[in-house]
């Protein structure tokens, strides 16, 4: 049986918002590549939103509705980036523990 440290947290949620995990020995498999691609898109979106937020801070004419929309988008992007960081942190912990076994 695979332990939680060997599972990859995927960049999407399952039913009810529950986390989805991938158990594979093939980092170049279809699901691994799909997850990598989605993570890259999510990180790119977060970068774009960060620039937009920086511009918004300098824009005194931004309406409250526009600001709420931006905050909503930033919240989603931050959630995605946090999930990616958690996933990569689990990978790092699994790699570190397997390297120390040798």
PDB file of N, CA and C in Angstrom:
ATOM      1  N   UNK A   1       0.839  -1.186   0.000  1.00  0.00           N
ATOM      2  CA  UNK A   1       0.000   0.000   0.000  1.00  0.00           C
ATOM      3  C   UNK A   1       0.883   1.247   0.000  1.00  0.00           C
ATOM      4  N   UNK A   2       0.448   2.276  -0.704  1.00  0.00           N
ATOM      5  CA  UNK A   2       1.196   3.517  -0.819  1.00  0.00           C
ATOM      6  C   UNK A   2       0.915   4.407   0.384  1.00  0.00           C
ATOM      7  N   UNK A   3       1.972   5.000   0.926  1.00  0.00           N
ATOM      8  CA  UNK A   3       1.800   5.913   2.057  1.00  0.00           C
ATOM      9  C   UNK A   3       1.471   7.305   1.537  1.00  0.00           C
ATOM     10  N   UNK A   4       0.866   8.175   2.363  1.00  0.00           N
ATOM     11  CA  UNK A   4       0.505   9.521   1.913  1.00  0.00           C
ATOM     12  C   UNK A   4       1.683  10.326   1.391  1.00  0.00           C
ATOM     13  N   UNK A   5       2.906  10.110   1.906  1.00  0.00           N
ATOM     14  CA  UNK A   5       4.061  10.863   1.425  1.00  0.00           C
ATOM     15  C   UNK A   5       4.448  10.483   0.003  1.00  0.00           C
ATOM     16  N   UNK A   6       3.970   9.339  -0.481  1.00  0.00           N
ATOM     17  CA  UNK A   6       4.286   8.914  -1.838  1.00  0.00           C
ATOM     18  C   UNK A   6       3.235   9.360  -2.835  1.00  0.00           C
ATOM     19  N   UNK A   7       2.155   9.929  -2.357  1.00  0.00           N
ATOM     20  CA  UNK A   7       1.082  10.377  -3.224  1.00  0.00           C
ATOM     21  C   UNK A   7       1.315  11.815  -3.658  1.00  0.00           C
ATOM     22  N   UNK A   8       0.910  12.123  -4.889  1.00  0.00           N
ATOM     23  CA  UNK A   8       1.008  13.488  -5.389  1.00  0.00           C
ATOM     24  C   UNK A   8      -0.351  14.153  -5.233  1.00  0.00           C
ATOM     25  N   UNK A   9      -0.361  15.280  -4.556  1.00  0.00           N
ATOM     26  CA  UNK A   9      -1.563  16.078  -4.452  1.00  0.00           C
ATOM     27  C   UNK A   9      -1.783  16.751  -5.809  1.00  0.00           C
ATOM     28  N   UNK A  10      -2.919  16.479  -6.416  1.00  0.00           N
ATOM     29  CA  UNK A  10      -3.199  17.012  -7.745  1.00  0.00           C
ATOM     30  C   UNK A  10      -3.753  18.431  -7.658  1.00  0.00           C
ATOM     31  N   UNK A  11      -3.593  19.216  -8.734  1.00  0.00           N
ATOM     32  CA  UNK A  11      -3.999  20.625  -8.693  1.00  0.00           C
ATOM     33  C   UNK A  11      -5.492  20.851  -8.936  1.00  0.00           C
ATOM     34  N   UNK A  12      -6.307  19.890  -8.600  1.00  0.00           N
ATOM     35  CA  UNK A  12      -7.756  20.046  -8.692  1.00  0.00           C
ATOM     36  C   UNK A  12      -8.387  19.270  -7.544  1.00  0.00           C
ATOM     37  N   UNK A  13      -9.637  19.582  -7.281  1.00  0.00           N
ATOM     38  CA  UNK A  13     -10.355  18.930  -6.187  1.00  0.00           C
ATOM     39  C   UNK A  13     -11.342  17.918  -6.742  1.00  0.00           C
ATOM     40  N   UNK A  14     -11.680  16.968  -5.896  1.00  0.00           N
ATOM     41  CA  UNK A  14     -12.690  15.985  -6.249  1.00  0.00           C
ATOM     42  C   UNK A  14     -14.056  16.448  -5.774  1.00  0.00           C
ATOM     43  N   UNK A  15     -14.989  15.515  -5.729  1.00  0.00           N
ATOM     44  CA  UNK A  15     -16.343  15.853  -5.301  1.00  0.00           C
ATOM     45  C   UNK A  15     -16.317  16.368  -3.865  1.00  0.00           C
ATOM     46  N   UNK A  16     -17.125  17.363  -3.615  1.00  0.00           N
ATOM     47  CA  UNK A  16     -17.184  17.953  -2.289  1.00  0.00           C
ATOM     48  C   UNK A  16     -15.950  18.742  -1.914  1.00  0.00           C
ATOM     49  N   UNK A  17     -15.106  19.085  -2.893  1.00  0.00           N
ATOM     50  CA  UNK A  17     -13.896  19.856  -2.612  1.00  0.00           C
ATOM     51  C   UNK A  17     -12.781  19.055  -1.967  1.00  0.00           C
ATOM     52  N   UNK A  18     -12.927  17.731  -1.960  1.00  0.00           N
ATOM     53  CA  UNK A  18     -11.899  16.887  -1.349  1.00  0.00           C
ATOM     54  C   UNK A  18     -10.665  16.821  -2.237  1.00  0.00           C
ATOM     55  N   UNK A  19      -9.478  16.727  -1.626  1.00  0.00           N
ATOM     56  CA  UNK A  19      -8.251  16.659  -2.431  1.00  0.00           C
ATOM     57  C   UNK A  19      -8.179  15.363  -3.239  1.00  0.00           C
ATOM     58  N   UNK A  20      -7.539  15.459  -4.381  1.00  0.00           N
ATOM     59  CA  UNK A  20      -7.293  14.300  -5.245  1.00  0.00           C
ATOM     60  C   UNK A  20      -5.797  13.997  -5.220  1.00  0.00           C
ATOM     61  N   UNK A  21      -5.464  12.728  -5.193  1.00  0.00           N
ATOM     62  CA  UNK A  21      -4.074  12.300  -5.150  1.00  0.00           C
ATOM     63  C   UNK A  21      -3.790  11.349  -6.299  1.00  0.00           C
ATOM     64  N   UNK A  22      -2.534  11.326  -6.718  1.00  0.00           N
ATOM     65  CA  UNK A  22      -2.076  10.416  -7.759  1.00  0.00           C
ATOM     66  C   UNK A  22      -1.000   9.515  -7.188  1.00  0.00           C
ATOM     67  N   UNK A  23      -1.159   8.233  -7.414  1.00  0.00           N
ATOM     68  CA  UNK A  23      -0.156   7.255  -7.016  1.00  0.00           C
ATOM     69  C   UNK A  23       0.435   6.663  -8.294  1.00  0.00           C
ATOM     70  N   UNK A  24       1.691   6.991  -8.559  1.00  0.00           N
ATOM     71  CA  UNK A  24       2.342   6.481  -9.763  1.00  0.00           C
ATOM     72  C   UNK A  24       3.851   6.475  -9.571  1.00  0.00           C
ATOM     73  N   UNK A  25       4.500   5.572 -10.260  1.00  0.00           N
ATOM     74  CA  UNK A  25       5.959   5.539 -10.280  1.00  0.00           C
ATOM     75  C   UNK A  25       6.510   6.215 -11.529  1.00  0.00           C
ATOM     76  N   UNK A  26       5.605   6.723 -12.386  1.00  0.00           N
ATOM     77  CA  UNK A  26       5.994   7.296 -13.670  1.00  0.00           C
ATOM     78  C   UNK A  26       5.748   8.804 -13.679  1.00  0.00           C
ATOM     79  N   UNK A  27       6.784   9.616 -13.413  1.00  0.00           N
ATOM     80  CA  UNK A  27       6.588  11.061 -13.422  1.00  0.00           C
ATOM     81  C   UNK A  27       6.314  11.623 -14.821  1.00  0.00           C
ATOM     82  N   UNK A  28       6.498  10.795 -15.855  1.00  0.00           N
ATOM     83  CA  UNK A  28       6.226  11.229 -17.221  1.00  0.00           C
ATOM     84  C   UNK A  28       4.930  10.641 -17.765  1.00  0.00           C
ATOM     85  N   UNK A  29       4.138  10.014 -16.901  1.00  0.00           N
ATOM     86  CA  UNK A  29       2.862   9.448 -17.319  1.00  0.00           C
ATOM     87  C   UNK A  29       1.859  10.541 -17.656  1.00  0.00           C
ATOM     88  N   UNK A  30       0.759  10.129 -18.277  1.00  0.00           N
ATOM     89  CA  UNK A  30      -0.256  11.082 -18.732  1.00  0.00           C
ATOM     90  C   UNK A  30      -0.765  11.961 -17.590  1.00  0.00           C
ATOM     91  N   UNK A  31      -1.162  11.373 -16.481  1.00  0.00           N
ATOM     92  CA  UNK A  31      -1.733  12.146 -15.375  1.00  0.00           C
ATOM     93  C   UNK A  31      -0.702  13.087 -14.750  1.00  0.00           C
ATOM     94  N   UNK A  32       0.541  12.638 -14.645  1.00  0.00           N
ATOM     95  CA  UNK A  32       1.605  13.501 -14.108  1.00  0.00           C
ATOM     96  C   UNK A  32       1.830  14.704 -15.015  1.00  0.00           C
ATOM     97  N   UNK A  33       1.863  14.462 -16.315  1.00  0.00           N
ATOM     98  CA  UNK A  33       2.060  15.565 -17.274  1.00  0.00           C
ATOM     99  C   UNK A  33       0.871  16.509 -17.267  1.00  0.00           C
ATOM    100  N   UNK A  34      -0.337  15.955 -17.162  1.00  0.00           N
ATOM    101  CA  UNK A  34      -1.539  16.787 -17.096  1.00  0.00           C
ATOM    102  C   UNK A  34      -1.489  17.676 -15.851  1.00  0.00           C
ATOM    103  N   UNK A  35      -1.137  17.096 -14.719  1.00  0.00           N
ATOM    104  CA  UNK A  35      -1.035  17.869 -13.477  1.00  0.00           C
ATOM    105  C   UNK A  35       0.041  18.949 -13.608  1.00  0.00           C
ATOM    106  N   UNK A  36       1.188  18.611 -14.197  1.00  0.00           N
ATOM    107  CA  UNK A  36       2.251  19.602 -14.407  1.00  0.00           C
ATOM    108  C   UNK A  36       1.760  20.755 -15.267  1.00  0.00           C
ATOM    109  N   UNK A  37       1.028  20.429 -16.326  1.00  0.00           N
ATOM    110  CA  UNK A  37       0.509  21.444 -17.241  1.00  0.00           C
ATOM    111  C   UNK A  37      -0.491  22.360 -16.542  1.00  0.00           C
ATOM    112  N   UNK A  38      -1.389  21.785 -15.786  1.00  0.00           N
ATOM    113  CA  UNK A  38      -2.380  22.587 -15.069  1.00  0.00           C
ATOM    114  C   UNK A  38      -1.700  23.464 -14.021  1.00  0.00           C
ATOM    115  N   UNK A  39      -0.709  22.921 -13.324  1.00  0.00           N
ATOM    116  CA  UNK A  39       0.030  23.728 -12.347  1.00  0.00           C
ATOM    117  C   UNK A  39       0.712  24.913 -13.023  1.00  0.00           C
ATOM    118  N   UNK A  40       1.294  24.694 -14.190  1.00  0.00           N
ATOM    119  CA  UNK A  40       1.957  25.785 -14.912  1.00  0.00           C
ATOM    120  C   UNK A  40       0.954  26.875 -15.284  1.00  0.00           C
ATOM    121  N   UNK A  41      -0.230  26.476 -15.719  1.00  0.00           N
ATOM    122  CA  UNK A  41      -1.278  27.443 -16.052  1.00  0.00           C
ATOM    123  C   UNK A  41      -1.702  28.204 -14.801  1.00  0.00           C
ATOM    124  N   UNK A  42      -1.894  27.486 -13.705  1.00  0.00           N
ATOM    125  CA  UNK A  42      -2.310  28.127 -12.455  1.00  0.00           C
ATOM    126  C   UNK A  42      -1.257  29.124 -11.963  1.00  0.00           C
ATOM    127  N   UNK A  43       0.004  28.763 -12.044  1.00  0.00           N
ATOM    128  CA  UNK A  43       1.068  29.676 -11.613  1.00  0.00           C
ATOM    129  C   UNK A  43       1.141  30.897 -12.528  1.00  0.00           C
ATOM    130  N   UNK A  44       0.948  30.696 -13.818  1.00  0.00           N
ATOM    131  CA  UNK A  44       0.926  31.817 -14.754  1.00  0.00           C
ATOM    132  C   UNK A  44      -0.218  32.768 -14.466  1.00  0.00           C
ATOM    133  N   UNK A  45      -1.394  32.216 -14.193  1.00  0.00           N
ATOM    134  CA  UNK A  45      -2.557  33.028 -13.852  1.00  0.00           C
ATOM    135  C   UNK A  45      -2.303  33.816 -12.575  1.00  0.00           C
ATOM    136  N   UNK A  46      -1.697  33.172 -11.582  1.00  0.00           N
ATOM    137  CA  UNK A  46      -1.387  33.857 -10.319  1.00  0.00           C
ATOM    138  C   UNK A  46      -0.436  35.029 -10.564  1.00  0.00           C
ATOM    139  N   UNK A  47       0.548  34.836 -11.425  1.00  0.00           N
ATOM    140  CA  UNK A  47       1.479  35.918 -11.751  1.00  0.00           C
ATOM    141  C   UNK A  47       0.783  37.088 -12.419  1.00  0.00           C
ATOM    142  N   UNK A  48      -0.126  36.788 -13.334  1.00  0.00           N
ATOM    143  CA  UNK A  48      -0.880  37.845 -14.011  1.00  0.00           C
ATOM    144  C   UNK A  48      -1.761  38.607 -13.016  1.00  0.00           C
ATOM    145  N   UNK A  49      -2.407  37.866 -12.120  1.00  0.00           N
ATOM    146  CA  UNK A  49      -3.260  38.512 -11.124  1.00  0.00           C
ATOM    147  C   UNK A  49      -2.450  39.364 -10.150  1.00  0.00           C
ATOM    148  N   UNK A  50      -1.255  38.922  -9.840  1.00  0.00           N
ATOM    149  CA  UNK A  50      -0.387  39.705  -8.970  1.00  0.00           C
ATOM    150  C   UNK A  50      -0.052  41.050  -9.608  1.00  0.00           C
ATOM    151  N   UNK A  51       0.251  41.029 -10.899  1.00  0.00           N
ATOM    152  CA  UNK A  51       0.520  42.286 -11.612  1.00  0.00           C
ATOM    153  C   UNK A  51      -0.725  43.171 -11.625  1.00  0.00           C
ATOM    154  N   UNK A  52      -1.883  42.552 -11.868  1.00  0.00           N
ATOM    155  CA  UNK A  52      -3.134  43.309 -11.889  1.00  0.00           C
ATOM    156  C   UNK A  52      -3.419  43.931 -10.518  1.00  0.00           C
ATOM    157  N   UNK A  53      -3.147  43.177  -9.464  1.00  0.00           N
ATOM    158  CA  UNK A  53      -3.369  43.690  -8.109  1.00  0.00           C
ATOM    159  C   UNK A  53      -2.420  44.848  -7.805  1.00  0.00           C
ATOM    160  N   UNK A  54      -1.179  44.727  -8.252  1.00  0.00           N
ATOM    161  CA  UNK A  54      -0.216  45.818  -8.042  1.00  0.00           C
ATOM    162  C   UNK A  54      -0.680  47.083  -8.748  1.00  0.00           C
ATOM    163  N   UNK A  55      -1.179  46.922  -9.975  1.00  0.00           N
ATOM    164  CA  UNK A  55      -1.704  48.074 -10.713  1.00  0.00           C
ATOM    165  C   UNK A  55      -2.936  48.651 -10.012  1.00  0.00           C
ATOM    166  N   UNK A  56      -3.779  47.769  -9.474  1.00  0.00           N
ATOM    167  CA  UNK A  56      -5.008  48.221  -8.814  1.00  0.00           C
ATOM    168  C   UNK A  56      -4.703  49.057  -7.576  1.00  0.00           C
ATOM    169  N   UNK A  57      -3.618  48.733  -6.891  1.00  0.00           N
ATOM    170  CA  UNK A  57      -3.256  49.505  -5.704  1.00  0.00           C
ATOM    171  C   UNK A  57      -2.909  50.950  -6.051  1.00  0.00           C
ATOM    172  N   UNK A  58      -2.412  51.147  -7.267  1.00  0.00           N
ATOM    173  CA  UNK A  58      -2.064  52.488  -7.717  1.00  0.00           C
ATOM    174  C   UNK A  58      -3.243  53.206  -8.373  1.00  0.00           C
ATOM    175  N   UNK A  59      -4.343  52.474  -8.634  1.00  0.00           N
ATOM    176  CA  UNK A  59      -5.492  53.018  -9.346  1.00  0.00           C
ATOM    177  C   UNK A  59      -6.565  53.454  -8.349  1.00  0.00           C
ATOM    178  N   UNK A  60      -6.640  54.738  -8.108  1.00  0.00           N
ATOM    179  CA  UNK A  60      -7.633  55.273  -7.160  1.00  0.00           C
ATOM    180  C   UNK A  60      -9.050  55.201  -7.720  1.00  0.00           C
ATOM    181  N   UNK A  61      -9.197  55.020  -9.031  1.00  0.00           N
ATOM    182  CA  UNK A  61     -10.513  55.023  -9.661  1.00  0.00           C
ATOM    183  C   UNK A  61     -11.175  53.652  -9.742  1.00  0.00           C
ATOM    184  N   UNK A  62     -10.575  52.633  -9.168  1.00  0.00           N
ATOM    185  CA  UNK A  62     -11.153  51.294  -9.237  1.00  0.00           C
ATOM    186  C   UNK A  62     -12.385  51.217  -8.342  1.00  0.00           C
ATOM    187  N   UNK A  63     -13.472  50.698  -8.902  1.00  0.00           N
ATOM    188  CA  UNK A  63     -14.715  50.617  -8.133  1.00  0.00           C
ATOM    189  C   UNK A  63     -14.649  49.480  -7.115  1.00  0.00           C
ATOM    190  N   UNK A  64     -15.551  49.539  -6.169  1.00  0.00           N
ATOM    191  CA  UNK A  64     -15.626  48.498  -5.144  1.00  0.00           C
ATOM    192  C   UNK A  64     -15.953  47.147  -5.768  1.00  0.00           C
ATOM    193  N   UNK A  65     -16.835  47.128  -6.747  1.00  0.00           N
ATOM    194  CA  UNK A  65     -17.172  45.871  -7.431  1.00  0.00           C
ATOM    195  C   UNK A  65     -15.967  45.297  -8.174  1.00  0.00           C
ATOM    196  N   UNK A  66     -15.196  46.165  -8.826  1.00  0.00           N
ATOM    197  CA  UNK A  66     -13.981  45.706  -9.518  1.00  0.00           C
ATOM    198  C   UNK A  66     -12.973  45.152  -8.520  1.00  0.00           C
ATOM    199  N   UNK A  67     -12.846  45.820  -7.384  1.00  0.00           N
ATOM    200  CA  UNK A  67     -11.919  45.368  -6.347  1.00  0.00           C
ATOM    201  C   UNK A  67     -12.364  44.024  -5.777  1.00  0.00           C
ATOM    202  N   UNK A  68     -13.656  43.851  -5.544  1.00  0.00           N
ATOM    203  CA  UNK A  68     -14.173  42.570  -5.044  1.00  0.00           C
ATOM    204  C   UNK A  68     -13.905  41.449  -6.032  1.00  0.00           C
ATOM    205  N   UNK A  69     -14.106  41.727  -7.301  1.00  0.00           N
ATOM    206  CA  UNK A  69     -13.843  40.725  -8.344  1.00  0.00           C
ATOM    207  C   UNK A  69     -12.371  40.329  -8.333  1.00  0.00           C
ATOM    208  N   UNK A  70     -11.496  41.309  -8.240  1.00  0.00           N
ATOM    209  CA  UNK A  70     -10.062  41.037  -8.204  1.00  0.00           C
ATOM    210  C   UNK A  70      -9.689  40.226  -6.960  1.00  0.00           C
ATOM    211  N   UNK A  71     -10.245  40.579  -5.820  1.00  0.00           N
ATOM    212  CA  UNK A  71      -9.955  39.840  -4.586  1.00  0.00           C
ATOM    213  C   UNK A  71     -10.457  38.395  -4.696  1.00  0.00           C
ATOM    214  N   UNK A  72     -11.605  38.194  -5.309  1.00  0.00           N
ATOM    215  CA  UNK A  72     -12.129  36.844  -5.514  1.00  0.00           C
ATOM    216  C   UNK A  72     -11.185  36.022  -6.390  1.00  0.00           C
ATOM    217  N   UNK A  73     -10.714  36.626  -7.483  1.00  0.00           N
ATOM    218  CA  UNK A  73      -9.776  35.936  -8.368  1.00  0.00           C
ATOM    219  C   UNK A  73      -8.447  35.664  -7.671  1.00  0.00           C
ATOM    220  N   UNK A  74      -7.972  36.630  -6.905  1.00  0.00           N
ATOM    221  CA  UNK A  74      -6.726  36.440  -6.159  1.00  0.00           C
ATOM    222  C   UNK A  74      -6.854  35.325  -5.131  1.00  0.00           C
ATOM    223  N   UNK A  75      -8.001  35.235  -4.476  1.00  0.00           N
ATOM    224  CA  UNK A  75      -8.231  34.179  -3.495  1.00  0.00           C
ATOM    225  C   UNK A  75      -8.153  32.803  -4.148  1.00  0.00           C
ATOM    226  N   UNK A  76      -8.777  32.664  -5.312  1.00  0.00           N
ATOM    227  CA  UNK A  76      -8.705  31.393  -6.039  1.00  0.00           C
ATOM    228  C   UNK A  76      -7.279  31.074  -6.468  1.00  0.00           C
ATOM    229  N   UNK A  77      -6.562  32.074  -6.957  1.00  0.00           N
ATOM    230  CA  UNK A  77      -5.175  31.858  -7.382  1.00  0.00           C
ATOM    231  C   UNK A  77      -4.289  31.492  -6.206  1.00  0.00           C
ATOM    232  N   UNK A  78      -4.499  32.158  -5.072  1.00  0.00           N
ATOM    233  CA  UNK A  78      -3.713  31.840  -3.881  1.00  0.00           C
ATOM    234  C   UNK A  78      -3.996  30.415  -3.415  1.00  0.00           C
ATOM    235  N   UNK A  79      -5.251  29.994  -3.500  1.00  0.00           N
ATOM    236  CA  UNK A  79      -5.611  28.621  -3.141  1.00  0.00           C
ATOM    237  C   UNK A  79      -4.869  27.632  -4.045  1.00  0.00           C
ATOM    238  N   UNK A  80      -4.828  27.926  -5.348  1.00  0.00           N
ATOM    239  CA  UNK A  80      -4.125  27.047  -6.296  1.00  0.00           C
ATOM    240  C   UNK A  80      -2.634  26.989  -5.997  1.00  0.00           C
ATOM    241  N   UNK A  81      -2.028  28.144  -5.769  1.00  0.00           N
ATOM    242  CA  UNK A  81      -0.587  28.198  -5.498  1.00  0.00           C
ATOM    243  C   UNK A  81      -0.266  27.486  -4.188  1.00  0.00           C
ATOM    244  N   UNK A  82      -1.116  27.636  -3.199  1.00  0.00           N
ATOM    245  CA  UNK A  82      -0.915  26.950  -1.926  1.00  0.00           C
ATOM    246  C   UNK A  82      -0.976  25.436  -2.119  1.00  0.00           C
ATOM    247  N   UNK A  83      -1.930  24.969  -2.918  1.00  0.00           N
ATOM    248  CA  UNK A  83      -2.044  23.536  -3.199  1.00  0.00           C
ATOM    249  C   UNK A  83      -0.786  23.022  -3.905  1.00  0.00           C
ATOM    250  N   UNK A  84      -0.273  23.797  -4.862  1.00  0.00           N
ATOM    251  CA  UNK A  84       0.948  23.412  -5.575  1.00  0.00           C
ATOM    252  C   UNK A  84       2.116  23.345  -4.603  1.00  0.00           C
ATOM    253  N   UNK A  85       2.223  24.339  -3.739  1.00  0.00           N
ATOM    254  CA  UNK A  85       3.318  24.347  -2.760  1.00  0.00           C
ATOM    255  C   UNK A  85       3.216  23.153  -1.821  1.00  0.00           C
ATOM    256  N   UNK A  86       2.012  22.834  -1.381  1.00  0.00           N
ATOM    257  CA  UNK A  86       1.819  21.667  -0.519  1.00  0.00           C
ATOM    258  C   UNK A  86       2.221  20.389  -1.254  1.00  0.00           C
ATOM    259  N   UNK A  87       1.803  20.276  -2.501  1.00  0.00           N
ATOM    260  CA  UNK A  87       2.129  19.095  -3.289  1.00  0.00           C
ATOM    261  C   UNK A  87       3.633  18.943  -3.455  1.00  0.00           C
ATOM    262  N   UNK A  88       4.288  20.023  -3.809  1.00  0.00           N
ATOM    263  CA  UNK A  88       5.742  19.963  -4.020  1.00  0.00           C
ATOM    264  C   UNK A  88       6.480  19.755  -2.710  1.00  0.00           C
ATOM    265  N   UNK A  89       5.930  20.249  -1.622  1.00  0.00           N
ATOM    266  CA  UNK A  89       6.519  20.014  -0.312  1.00  0.00           C
ATOM    267  C   UNK A  89       6.461  18.544   0.053  1.00  0.00           C
ATOM    268  N   UNK A  90       5.352  17.878  -0.271  1.00  0.00           N
ATOM    269  CA  UNK A  90       5.230  16.441  -0.017  1.00  0.00           C
ATOM    270  C   UNK A  90       6.226  15.675  -0.876  1.00  0.00           C
ATOM    271  N   UNK A  91       6.383  16.106  -2.129  1.00  0.00           N
ATOM    272  CA  UNK A  91       7.376  15.462  -2.995  1.00  0.00           C
ATOM    273  C   UNK A  91       8.764  15.588  -2.397  1.00  0.00           C
ATOM    274  N   UNK A  92       9.098  16.792  -1.952  1.00  0.00           N
ATOM    275  CA  UNK A  92      10.432  17.038  -1.411  1.00  0.00           C
ATOM    276  C   UNK A  92      10.667  16.174  -0.176  1.00  0.00           C
ATOM    277  N   UNK A  93       9.660  16.068   0.686  1.00  0.00           N
ATOM    278  CA  UNK A  93       9.797  15.242   1.885  1.00  0.00           C
ATOM    279  C   UNK A  93       9.989  13.778   1.514  1.00  0.00           C
ATOM    280  N   UNK A  94       9.254  13.301   0.513  1.00  0.00           N
ATOM    281  CA  UNK A  94       9.378  11.904   0.087  1.00  0.00           C
ATOM    282  C   UNK A  94      10.747  11.646  -0.537  1.00  0.00           C
ATOM    283  N   UNK A  95      11.231  12.595  -1.344  1.00  0.00           N
ATOM    284  CA  UNK A  95      12.551  12.447  -1.977  1.00  0.00           C
ATOM    285  C   UNK A  95      13.643  12.479  -0.932  1.00  0.00           C
ATOM    286  N   UNK A  96      13.556  13.429   0.005  1.00  0.00           N
ATOM    287  CA  UNK A  96      14.563  13.527   1.064  1.00  0.00           C
ATOM    288  C   UNK A  96      14.622  12.276   1.894  1.00  0.00           C
ATOM    289  N   UNK A  97      13.476  11.707   2.252  1.00  0.00           N
ATOM    290  CA  UNK A  97      13.494  10.504   3.085  1.00  0.00           C
ATOM    291  C   UNK A  97      14.001   9.292   2.318  1.00  0.00           C
ATOM    292  N   UNK A  98      13.722   9.217   1.010  1.00  0.00           N
ATOM    293  CA  UNK A  98      14.220   8.074   0.235  1.00  0.00           C
ATOM    294  C   UNK A  98      15.715   8.194  -0.016  1.00  0.00           C
ATOM    295  N   UNK A  99      16.238   9.425  -0.169  1.00  0.00           N
ATOM    296  CA  UNK A  99      17.672   9.613  -0.371  1.00  0.00           C
ATOM    297  C   UNK A  99      18.453   9.301   0.901  1.00  0.00           C
ATOM    298  N   UNK A 100      17.867   9.602   2.055  1.00  0.00           N
ATOM    299  CA  UNK A 100      18.581   9.349   3.301  1.00  0.00           C
ATOM    300  C   UNK A 100      18.603   7.865   3.632  1.00  0.00           C
ATOM    301  N   UNK A 101      17.804   7.060   2.943  1.00  0.00           N
ATOM    302  CA  UNK A 101      17.784   5.617   3.188  1.00  0.00           C
ATOM    303  C   UNK A 101      18.972   4.915   2.531  1.00  0.00           C
ATOM    304  N   UNK A 102      19.663   5.628   1.626  1.00  0.00           N
ATOM    305  CA  UNK A 102      20.777   4.992   0.909  1.00  0.00           C
ATOM    306  C   UNK A 102      22.103   5.328   1.502  1.00  0.00           C
TER     307      UNK A 102
END
